[in-house]
C-alpha cells in the first residue's frame, strides 16, 4: 500500500500486514463463533456475540474482564464489502435506533499484500475527548494484541 494512515485528533489507527488471507480475516470479523475467540486481548474475552452482517444489520457483543467486569456493546453495520471493507458504529444500536452516547465508528479495510493481507483498522470518534479516552484505554496495545490473536486464529481455520 502506498498510503500510510496515522492517528489524528479524532482517529486511532492500527495498520499492519497480517500473515493470513483476506477471506480468513473476514470470517474472523463476521462469524460470531470466530470473533469470540480473538476480539479481546487476553485475559479479556467475548462471552456473547450476535451479528447480522449487512448494511443496517445489528451487532451485539459482551466483553468480560478477568475480574468479572461486563461491557455490553450494541452497534450497527454501515457498509459491508465482503473480504474488503467492514464499517460499523455504536451510534445506532440496530434498526437505525440512535444510541444514547455514541463513541466511535470502526472501519476495517483488507487488501492483498504479497502472501498476506494489508490490515487497516481505524476508529473514528465523535469528539477529541472520546478519542483520547479510547487511546488511554489502551487502543494501540489492545487492538494490537487482538490482531495478533486474529492472526493466530487464521492459522487454525
N, C-alpha and C. Protein backbone atom coordinates (compact mmCIF):
# COMPACT_ATOMS: atom_id res chain seq x y z
N UNK A 1 0.84 -1.19 0.00
CA UNK A 1 0.00 0.00 0.00
C UNK A 1 0.88 1.24 0.00
N UNK A 2 0.51 2.20 -0.77
CA UNK A 2 1.29 3.42 -0.86
C UNK A 2 0.96 4.39 0.27
N UNK A 3 -0.25 4.35 0.77
CA UNK A 3 -0.68 5.32 1.76
C UNK A 3 -0.54 4.74 3.17
N UNK A 4 0.02 5.53 4.07
CA UNK A 4 0.12 5.12 5.46
C UNK A 4 -0.79 6.03 6.26
N UNK A 5 -1.62 5.45 7.08
CA UNK A 5 -2.55 6.20 7.91
C UNK A 5 -1.95 6.39 9.30
N UNK A 6 -2.24 7.52 9.89
CA UNK A 6 -1.75 7.78 11.24
C UNK A 6 -2.89 8.30 12.10
N UNK A 7 -2.65 8.28 13.40
CA UNK A 7 -3.62 8.82 14.34
C UNK A 7 -3.85 10.30 14.05
N UNK A 8 -5.02 10.76 14.40
CA UNK A 8 -5.36 12.17 14.28
C UNK A 8 -6.12 12.60 15.51
N UNK A 9 -6.63 13.81 15.53
CA UNK A 9 -7.33 14.30 16.73
C UNK A 9 -8.57 13.49 17.10
N UNK A 10 -9.22 12.87 16.09
CA UNK A 10 -10.41 12.06 16.38
C UNK A 10 -10.31 10.68 15.75
N UNK A 11 -9.09 10.24 15.40
CA UNK A 11 -8.89 8.95 14.74
C UNK A 11 -7.71 8.19 15.36
N UNK A 12 -7.95 6.91 15.64
CA UNK A 12 -6.88 6.00 16.06
C UNK A 12 -6.74 4.93 14.98
N UNK A 13 -5.49 4.52 14.72
CA UNK A 13 -5.22 3.63 13.60
C UNK A 13 -4.32 2.49 14.03
N UNK A 14 -4.66 1.30 13.57
CA UNK A 14 -3.77 0.15 13.65
C UNK A 14 -3.60 -0.34 12.22
N UNK A 15 -2.35 -0.38 11.75
CA UNK A 15 -2.08 -0.78 10.38
C UNK A 15 -0.90 -1.74 10.37
N UNK A 16 -1.09 -2.87 9.70
CA UNK A 16 -0.01 -3.84 9.58
C UNK A 16 -0.33 -4.85 8.49
N UNK A 17 0.66 -5.67 8.17
CA UNK A 17 0.43 -6.80 7.27
C UNK A 17 0.22 -8.02 8.15
N UNK A 18 -0.91 -8.67 7.97
CA UNK A 18 -1.26 -9.87 8.72
C UNK A 18 -0.97 -11.08 7.84
N UNK A 19 -0.31 -12.07 8.41
CA UNK A 19 0.07 -13.26 7.67
C UNK A 19 -1.12 -14.22 7.58
N UNK A 20 -2.11 -13.81 6.78
CA UNK A 20 -3.32 -14.60 6.57
C UNK A 20 -4.05 -14.03 5.35
N UNK A 21 -4.78 -14.87 4.64
CA UNK A 21 -5.56 -14.36 3.51
C UNK A 21 -6.76 -13.55 3.98
N UNK A 22 -7.18 -12.62 3.12
CA UNK A 22 -8.32 -11.75 3.46
C UNK A 22 -9.56 -12.55 3.82
N UNK A 23 -9.82 -13.64 3.11
CA UNK A 23 -11.04 -14.41 3.35
C UNK A 23 -11.09 -14.95 4.78
N UNK A 24 -9.96 -15.36 5.31
CA UNK A 24 -9.94 -15.88 6.69
C UNK A 24 -10.11 -14.75 7.70
N UNK A 25 -9.47 -13.62 7.45
CA UNK A 25 -9.65 -12.47 8.34
C UNK A 25 -11.11 -12.03 8.34
N UNK A 26 -11.70 -11.99 7.15
CA UNK A 26 -13.11 -11.62 7.02
C UNK A 26 -14.00 -12.55 7.86
N UNK A 27 -13.76 -13.83 7.74
CA UNK A 27 -14.55 -14.79 8.52
C UNK A 27 -14.42 -14.49 10.02
N UNK A 28 -13.21 -14.19 10.46
CA UNK A 28 -12.99 -13.92 11.89
C UNK A 28 -13.69 -12.65 12.35
N UNK A 29 -13.92 -11.71 11.45
CA UNK A 29 -14.63 -10.48 11.78
C UNK A 29 -16.14 -10.64 11.66
N UNK A 30 -16.62 -11.64 10.93
CA UNK A 30 -18.05 -11.70 10.61
C UNK A 30 -18.78 -12.95 11.10
N UNK A 31 -18.07 -13.90 11.65
CA UNK A 31 -18.70 -15.10 12.21
C UNK A 31 -18.59 -15.05 13.73
N UNK A 32 -19.73 -15.01 14.43
CA UNK A 32 -19.70 -14.84 15.89
C UNK A 32 -18.80 -15.83 16.62
N UNK A 33 -18.85 -17.11 16.26
CA UNK A 33 -18.04 -18.11 16.96
C UNK A 33 -16.54 -17.83 16.81
N UNK A 34 -16.14 -17.31 15.66
CA UNK A 34 -14.73 -16.98 15.46
C UNK A 34 -14.37 -15.67 16.16
N UNK A 35 -15.22 -14.66 16.04
CA UNK A 35 -14.96 -13.37 16.68
C UNK A 35 -14.74 -13.54 18.18
N UNK A 36 -15.50 -14.41 18.79
CA UNK A 36 -15.40 -14.62 20.24
C UNK A 36 -14.03 -15.19 20.65
N UNK A 37 -13.31 -15.78 19.71
CA UNK A 37 -12.03 -16.40 20.03
C UNK A 37 -10.84 -15.44 19.98
N UNK A 38 -11.02 -14.25 19.40
CA UNK A 38 -9.85 -13.39 19.23
C UNK A 38 -10.06 -11.92 19.57
N UNK A 39 -11.27 -11.43 19.60
CA UNK A 39 -11.53 -10.00 19.58
C UNK A 39 -10.98 -9.22 20.77
N UNK A 40 -11.00 -9.78 21.95
CA UNK A 40 -10.47 -9.08 23.14
C UNK A 40 -9.08 -9.60 23.47
N UNK A 41 -8.18 -8.68 23.86
CA UNK A 41 -6.86 -9.16 24.28
C UNK A 41 -6.98 -9.92 25.60
N UNK A 42 -6.41 -11.11 25.64
CA UNK A 42 -6.44 -11.92 26.86
C UNK A 42 -5.83 -11.14 28.02
N UNK A 43 -6.35 -11.23 29.23
CA UNK A 43 -7.33 -12.22 29.70
C UNK A 43 -8.78 -11.81 29.49
N UNK A 44 -9.04 -10.70 28.82
CA UNK A 44 -10.41 -10.33 28.47
C UNK A 44 -10.92 -11.32 27.43
N UNK A 45 -12.26 -11.40 27.33
CA UNK A 45 -12.83 -12.29 26.32
C UNK A 45 -14.23 -11.82 25.95
N UNK A 46 -14.67 -12.25 24.80
CA UNK A 46 -16.04 -12.00 24.36
C UNK A 46 -16.85 -13.23 24.76
N UNK A 47 -17.91 -13.02 25.53
CA UNK A 47 -18.72 -14.13 26.02
C UNK A 47 -20.03 -14.28 25.26
N UNK A 48 -20.37 -13.28 24.46
CA UNK A 48 -21.60 -13.35 23.67
C UNK A 48 -21.40 -12.49 22.42
N UNK A 49 -21.84 -12.99 21.28
CA UNK A 49 -21.74 -12.22 20.03
C UNK A 49 -22.91 -12.59 19.12
N UNK A 50 -23.59 -11.56 18.65
CA UNK A 50 -24.67 -11.72 17.67
C UNK A 50 -24.38 -10.73 16.55
N UNK A 51 -24.45 -11.21 15.31
CA UNK A 51 -24.05 -10.36 14.19
C UNK A 51 -24.97 -10.58 12.99
N UNK A 52 -25.58 -9.51 12.53
CA UNK A 52 -26.35 -9.51 11.29
C UNK A 52 -25.54 -8.68 10.30
N UNK A 53 -24.57 -9.33 9.67
CA UNK A 53 -23.55 -8.63 8.88
C UNK A 53 -24.11 -8.25 7.51
N UNK A 54 -24.73 -7.09 7.47
CA UNK A 54 -25.26 -6.48 6.24
C UNK A 54 -25.44 -5.00 6.55
N UNK A 55 -25.44 -4.14 5.55
CA UNK A 55 -25.69 -2.72 5.84
C UNK A 55 -27.03 -2.55 6.57
N UNK A 56 -26.99 -1.91 7.71
CA UNK A 56 -28.18 -1.74 8.54
C UNK A 56 -28.38 -2.84 9.56
N UNK A 57 -27.62 -3.92 9.48
CA UNK A 57 -27.75 -5.04 10.41
C UNK A 57 -27.18 -4.70 11.77
N UNK A 58 -27.76 -5.29 12.79
CA UNK A 58 -27.34 -5.03 14.17
C UNK A 58 -26.21 -5.96 14.58
N UNK A 59 -25.43 -5.48 15.53
CA UNK A 59 -24.41 -6.32 16.17
C UNK A 59 -24.53 -6.14 17.67
N UNK A 60 -24.15 -7.18 18.39
CA UNK A 60 -24.15 -7.10 19.85
C UNK A 60 -23.09 -8.05 20.37
N UNK A 61 -22.30 -7.57 21.30
CA UNK A 61 -21.33 -8.45 21.96
C UNK A 61 -21.17 -8.02 23.39
N UNK A 62 -20.74 -8.98 24.19
CA UNK A 62 -20.42 -8.71 25.59
C UNK A 62 -18.95 -9.04 25.79
N UNK A 63 -18.20 -8.06 26.27
CA UNK A 63 -16.80 -8.27 26.61
C UNK A 63 -16.72 -8.40 28.13
N UNK A 64 -15.96 -9.39 28.59
CA UNK A 64 -15.82 -9.61 30.03
C UNK A 64 -14.35 -9.58 30.42
N UNK A 65 -14.10 -8.93 31.56
CA UNK A 65 -12.75 -8.85 32.09
C UNK A 65 -12.46 -9.97 33.06
N UNK A 66 -11.21 -10.12 33.46
CA UNK A 66 -10.82 -11.22 34.33
C UNK A 66 -11.39 -11.12 35.74
N UNK A 67 -11.86 -9.94 36.11
CA UNK A 67 -12.44 -9.76 37.45
C UNK A 67 -13.95 -9.64 37.40
N UNK A 68 -14.55 -10.12 36.29
CA UNK A 68 -16.00 -10.13 36.17
C UNK A 68 -16.61 -8.87 35.58
N UNK A 69 -15.79 -7.92 35.14
CA UNK A 69 -16.34 -6.73 34.51
C UNK A 69 -17.07 -7.14 33.23
N UNK A 70 -18.23 -6.54 32.99
CA UNK A 70 -19.02 -6.85 31.79
C UNK A 70 -19.29 -5.56 31.02
N UNK A 71 -18.99 -5.60 29.74
CA UNK A 71 -19.23 -4.44 28.88
C UNK A 71 -20.03 -4.87 27.67
N UNK A 72 -21.37 -4.67 27.71
CA UNK A 72 -22.17 -4.97 26.54
C UNK A 72 -21.98 -3.86 25.48
N UNK A 73 -21.91 -4.26 24.23
CA UNK A 73 -21.72 -3.31 23.13
C UNK A 73 -22.71 -3.60 22.02
N UNK A 74 -23.61 -2.65 21.79
CA UNK A 74 -24.58 -2.76 20.70
C UNK A 74 -24.13 -1.83 19.58
N UNK A 75 -24.38 -2.24 18.35
CA UNK A 75 -24.00 -1.41 17.22
C UNK A 75 -24.73 -1.81 15.97
N UNK A 76 -24.28 -1.22 14.87
CA UNK A 76 -24.92 -1.46 13.59
C UNK A 76 -23.88 -1.38 12.49
N UNK A 77 -24.03 -2.22 11.48
CA UNK A 77 -23.14 -2.20 10.32
C UNK A 77 -23.62 -1.13 9.35
N UNK A 78 -22.68 -0.37 8.83
CA UNK A 78 -23.00 0.68 7.87
C UNK A 78 -22.63 0.29 6.44
N UNK A 79 -21.50 -0.41 6.30
CA UNK A 79 -21.04 -0.84 4.98
C UNK A 79 -20.41 -2.22 5.10
N UNK A 80 -20.72 -3.09 4.16
CA UNK A 80 -20.18 -4.45 4.15
C UNK A 80 -19.79 -4.79 2.71
N UNK A 81 -18.49 -4.90 2.48
CA UNK A 81 -17.97 -5.32 1.17
C UNK A 81 -17.11 -6.55 1.46
N UNK A 82 -17.65 -7.72 1.16
CA UNK A 82 -17.04 -8.98 1.55
C UNK A 82 -15.54 -9.03 1.21
N UNK A 83 -14.76 -9.43 2.21
CA UNK A 83 -13.31 -9.60 2.11
C UNK A 83 -12.54 -8.31 1.84
N UNK A 84 -13.22 -7.14 1.92
CA UNK A 84 -12.56 -5.86 1.63
C UNK A 84 -12.76 -4.79 2.69
N UNK A 85 -14.01 -4.58 3.11
CA UNK A 85 -14.28 -3.42 3.96
C UNK A 85 -15.50 -3.69 4.85
N UNK A 86 -15.32 -3.38 6.13
CA UNK A 86 -16.40 -3.53 7.10
C UNK A 86 -16.45 -2.24 7.91
N UNK A 87 -17.62 -1.60 7.90
CA UNK A 87 -17.80 -0.35 8.64
C UNK A 87 -18.94 -0.57 9.63
N UNK A 88 -18.67 -0.27 10.90
CA UNK A 88 -19.66 -0.47 11.95
C UNK A 88 -19.60 0.70 12.91
N UNK A 89 -20.69 0.91 13.64
CA UNK A 89 -20.75 2.03 14.57
C UNK A 89 -21.58 1.67 15.78
N UNK A 90 -21.31 2.36 16.88
CA UNK A 90 -22.17 2.26 18.04
C UNK A 90 -23.11 3.47 18.13
N UNK A 91 -23.16 4.27 17.07
CA UNK A 91 -24.07 5.41 17.02
C UNK A 91 -25.53 4.95 16.89
N UNK A 92 -25.69 3.75 16.36
CA UNK A 92 -27.00 3.12 16.26
C UNK A 92 -26.89 1.75 16.91
N UNK A 93 -27.99 1.28 17.49
CA UNK A 93 -27.96 0.01 18.20
C UNK A 93 -28.78 -1.06 17.47
N UNK A 94 -29.09 -0.82 16.21
CA UNK A 94 -29.89 -1.74 15.41
C UNK A 94 -31.17 -1.07 14.99
N UNK A 95 -31.67 -1.41 13.81
CA UNK A 95 -32.89 -0.82 13.25
C UNK A 95 -32.85 0.70 13.23
N UNK A 96 -31.65 1.26 13.06
CA UNK A 96 -31.42 2.70 12.97
C UNK A 96 -31.89 3.44 14.21
N UNK A 97 -31.92 2.74 15.34
CA UNK A 97 -32.25 3.39 16.61
C UNK A 97 -30.99 4.05 17.17
N UNK A 98 -31.03 5.37 17.39
CA UNK A 98 -29.84 6.06 17.88
C UNK A 98 -29.44 5.59 19.28
N UNK A 99 -28.14 5.51 19.47
CA UNK A 99 -27.60 5.18 20.79
C UNK A 99 -27.65 6.42 21.67
N UNK A 100 -27.66 6.21 22.98
CA UNK A 100 -27.67 7.35 23.90
C UNK A 100 -26.36 8.11 23.86
N UNK A 101 -25.24 7.40 23.78
CA UNK A 101 -23.92 8.05 23.79
C UNK A 101 -23.00 7.33 22.81
N UNK A 102 -23.04 7.73 21.53
CA UNK A 102 -22.13 7.09 20.57
C UNK A 102 -20.68 7.40 20.92
N UNK A 103 -19.81 6.43 20.63
CA UNK A 103 -18.40 6.56 20.99
C UNK A 103 -17.51 6.58 19.74
N UNK A 104 -17.71 5.59 18.84
CA UNK A 104 -16.87 5.57 17.65
C UNK A 104 -17.48 4.78 16.50
N UNK A 105 -16.90 4.96 15.34
CA UNK A 105 -17.19 4.18 14.15
C UNK A 105 -15.91 3.45 13.78
N UNK A 106 -16.01 2.16 13.53
CA UNK A 106 -14.86 1.36 13.14
C UNK A 106 -14.87 1.08 11.65
N UNK A 107 -13.70 1.17 11.03
CA UNK A 107 -13.56 0.86 9.61
C UNK A 107 -12.40 -0.13 9.48
N UNK A 108 -12.71 -1.31 9.00
CA UNK A 108 -11.71 -2.35 8.77
C UNK A 108 -11.56 -2.49 7.26
N UNK A 109 -10.34 -2.32 6.77
CA UNK A 109 -10.06 -2.42 5.34
C UNK A 109 -9.01 -3.50 5.13
N UNK A 110 -9.28 -4.39 4.18
CA UNK A 110 -8.39 -5.51 3.88
C UNK A 110 -7.97 -5.44 2.41
N UNK A 111 -6.68 -5.63 2.16
CA UNK A 111 -6.16 -5.65 0.78
C UNK A 111 -5.01 -6.65 0.70
N UNK A 112 -4.86 -7.26 -0.45
CA UNK A 112 -3.76 -8.22 -0.64
C UNK A 112 -2.42 -7.52 -0.44
N UNK A 113 -1.49 -8.24 0.18
CA UNK A 113 -0.13 -7.74 0.41
C UNK A 113 0.81 -8.92 0.34
N UNK A 114 1.31 -9.21 -0.85
CA UNK A 114 2.17 -10.38 -1.01
C UNK A 114 1.40 -11.63 -0.65
N UNK A 115 1.94 -12.40 0.28
CA UNK A 115 1.25 -13.60 0.73
C UNK A 115 0.31 -13.36 1.89
N UNK A 116 0.18 -12.12 2.33
CA UNK A 116 -0.67 -11.81 3.47
C UNK A 116 -1.71 -10.76 3.12
N UNK A 117 -2.14 -10.04 4.15
CA UNK A 117 -3.19 -9.05 3.98
C UNK A 117 -2.78 -7.74 4.65
N UNK A 118 -2.89 -6.64 3.90
CA UNK A 118 -2.74 -5.32 4.50
C UNK A 118 -4.01 -5.08 5.31
N UNK A 119 -3.83 -4.89 6.61
CA UNK A 119 -4.93 -4.79 7.56
C UNK A 119 -4.92 -3.38 8.12
N UNK A 120 -5.98 -2.65 7.88
CA UNK A 120 -6.11 -1.28 8.36
C UNK A 120 -7.37 -1.19 9.22
N UNK A 121 -7.17 -0.92 10.49
CA UNK A 121 -8.28 -0.73 11.42
C UNK A 121 -8.27 0.73 11.88
N UNK A 122 -9.36 1.42 11.62
CA UNK A 122 -9.48 2.83 12.01
C UNK A 122 -10.66 2.99 12.96
N UNK A 123 -10.44 3.71 14.03
CA UNK A 123 -11.50 4.05 14.98
C UNK A 123 -11.71 5.56 14.90
N UNK A 124 -12.86 5.97 14.40
CA UNK A 124 -13.20 7.38 14.22
C UNK A 124 -14.14 7.79 15.35
N UNK A 125 -13.78 8.82 16.08
CA UNK A 125 -14.52 9.23 17.27
C UNK A 125 -15.30 10.52 17.03
N UNK A 126 -16.39 10.65 17.77
CA UNK A 126 -17.24 11.83 17.63
C UNK A 126 -16.54 13.08 18.16
N UNK A 127 -15.72 12.90 19.19
CA UNK A 127 -15.04 14.06 19.78
C UNK A 127 -13.58 13.71 20.05
N UNK A 128 -12.75 14.74 20.21
CA UNK A 128 -11.35 14.53 20.57
C UNK A 128 -11.26 13.89 21.96
N UNK A 129 -12.18 14.27 22.86
CA UNK A 129 -12.17 13.69 24.20
C UNK A 129 -12.42 12.18 24.14
N UNK A 130 -13.37 11.75 23.30
CA UNK A 130 -13.63 10.32 23.15
C UNK A 130 -12.41 9.61 22.57
N UNK A 131 -11.76 10.24 21.61
CA UNK A 131 -10.56 9.65 21.01
C UNK A 131 -9.46 9.50 22.07
N UNK A 132 -9.27 10.53 22.87
CA UNK A 132 -8.26 10.47 23.94
C UNK A 132 -8.61 9.39 24.95
N UNK A 133 -9.89 9.26 25.29
CA UNK A 133 -10.32 8.21 26.21
C UNK A 133 -9.98 6.83 25.65
N UNK A 134 -10.27 6.62 24.37
CA UNK A 134 -10.00 5.33 23.73
C UNK A 134 -8.50 5.05 23.70
N UNK A 135 -7.72 6.09 23.43
CA UNK A 135 -6.25 5.95 23.44
C UNK A 135 -5.78 5.55 24.84
N UNK A 136 -6.30 6.24 25.86
CA UNK A 136 -5.91 5.97 27.25
C UNK A 136 -6.39 4.60 27.73
N UNK A 137 -7.47 4.08 27.14
CA UNK A 137 -7.96 2.74 27.46
C UNK A 137 -7.00 1.67 26.94
N UNK A 138 -6.06 2.09 26.08
CA UNK A 138 -5.10 1.14 25.53
C UNK A 138 -5.42 0.68 24.13
N UNK A 139 -5.99 1.54 23.30
CA UNK A 139 -6.37 1.16 21.94
C UNK A 139 -5.23 0.44 21.21
N UNK A 140 -4.07 1.08 21.12
CA UNK A 140 -2.99 0.51 20.30
C UNK A 140 -2.52 -0.84 20.85
N UNK A 141 -2.30 -0.91 22.14
CA UNK A 141 -1.85 -2.18 22.73
C UNK A 141 -2.94 -3.24 22.62
N UNK A 142 -4.16 -2.89 23.00
CA UNK A 142 -5.26 -3.85 22.99
C UNK A 142 -5.62 -4.33 21.60
N UNK A 143 -5.78 -3.41 20.65
CA UNK A 143 -6.11 -3.81 19.29
C UNK A 143 -4.94 -4.53 18.66
N UNK A 144 -3.71 -4.17 19.05
CA UNK A 144 -2.53 -4.87 18.54
C UNK A 144 -2.50 -6.31 19.01
N UNK A 145 -2.74 -6.53 20.31
CA UNK A 145 -2.77 -7.90 20.84
C UNK A 145 -3.92 -8.69 20.22
N UNK A 146 -5.07 -8.05 20.08
CA UNK A 146 -6.21 -8.74 19.47
C UNK A 146 -5.88 -9.13 18.02
N UNK A 147 -5.17 -8.27 17.31
CA UNK A 147 -4.80 -8.59 15.94
C UNK A 147 -3.81 -9.75 15.90
N UNK A 148 -2.91 -9.82 16.87
CA UNK A 148 -2.03 -10.99 16.98
C UNK A 148 -2.86 -12.26 17.17
N UNK A 149 -3.88 -12.18 18.02
CA UNK A 149 -4.77 -13.33 18.26
C UNK A 149 -5.56 -13.68 17.01
N UNK A 150 -5.98 -12.65 16.25
CA UNK A 150 -6.66 -12.86 14.99
C UNK A 150 -5.77 -13.62 14.02
N UNK A 151 -4.53 -13.19 13.90
CA UNK A 151 -3.58 -13.86 13.01
C UNK A 151 -3.36 -15.31 13.41
N UNK A 152 -3.23 -15.57 14.70
CA UNK A 152 -3.05 -16.94 15.19
C UNK A 152 -4.27 -17.79 14.89
N UNK A 153 -5.46 -17.24 15.07
CA UNK A 153 -6.68 -17.99 14.77
C UNK A 153 -6.78 -18.31 13.29
N UNK A 154 -6.38 -17.38 12.44
CA UNK A 154 -6.42 -17.62 11.00
C UNK A 154 -5.57 -18.83 10.60
N UNK A 155 -4.50 -19.09 11.35
CA UNK A 155 -3.67 -20.26 11.04
C UNK A 155 -4.40 -21.58 11.37
N UNK A 156 -5.40 -21.52 12.23
CA UNK A 156 -6.11 -22.72 12.67
C UNK A 156 -7.37 -23.02 11.86
N UNK A 157 -7.89 -22.04 11.17
CA UNK A 157 -9.16 -22.27 10.46
C UNK A 157 -8.94 -22.52 8.97
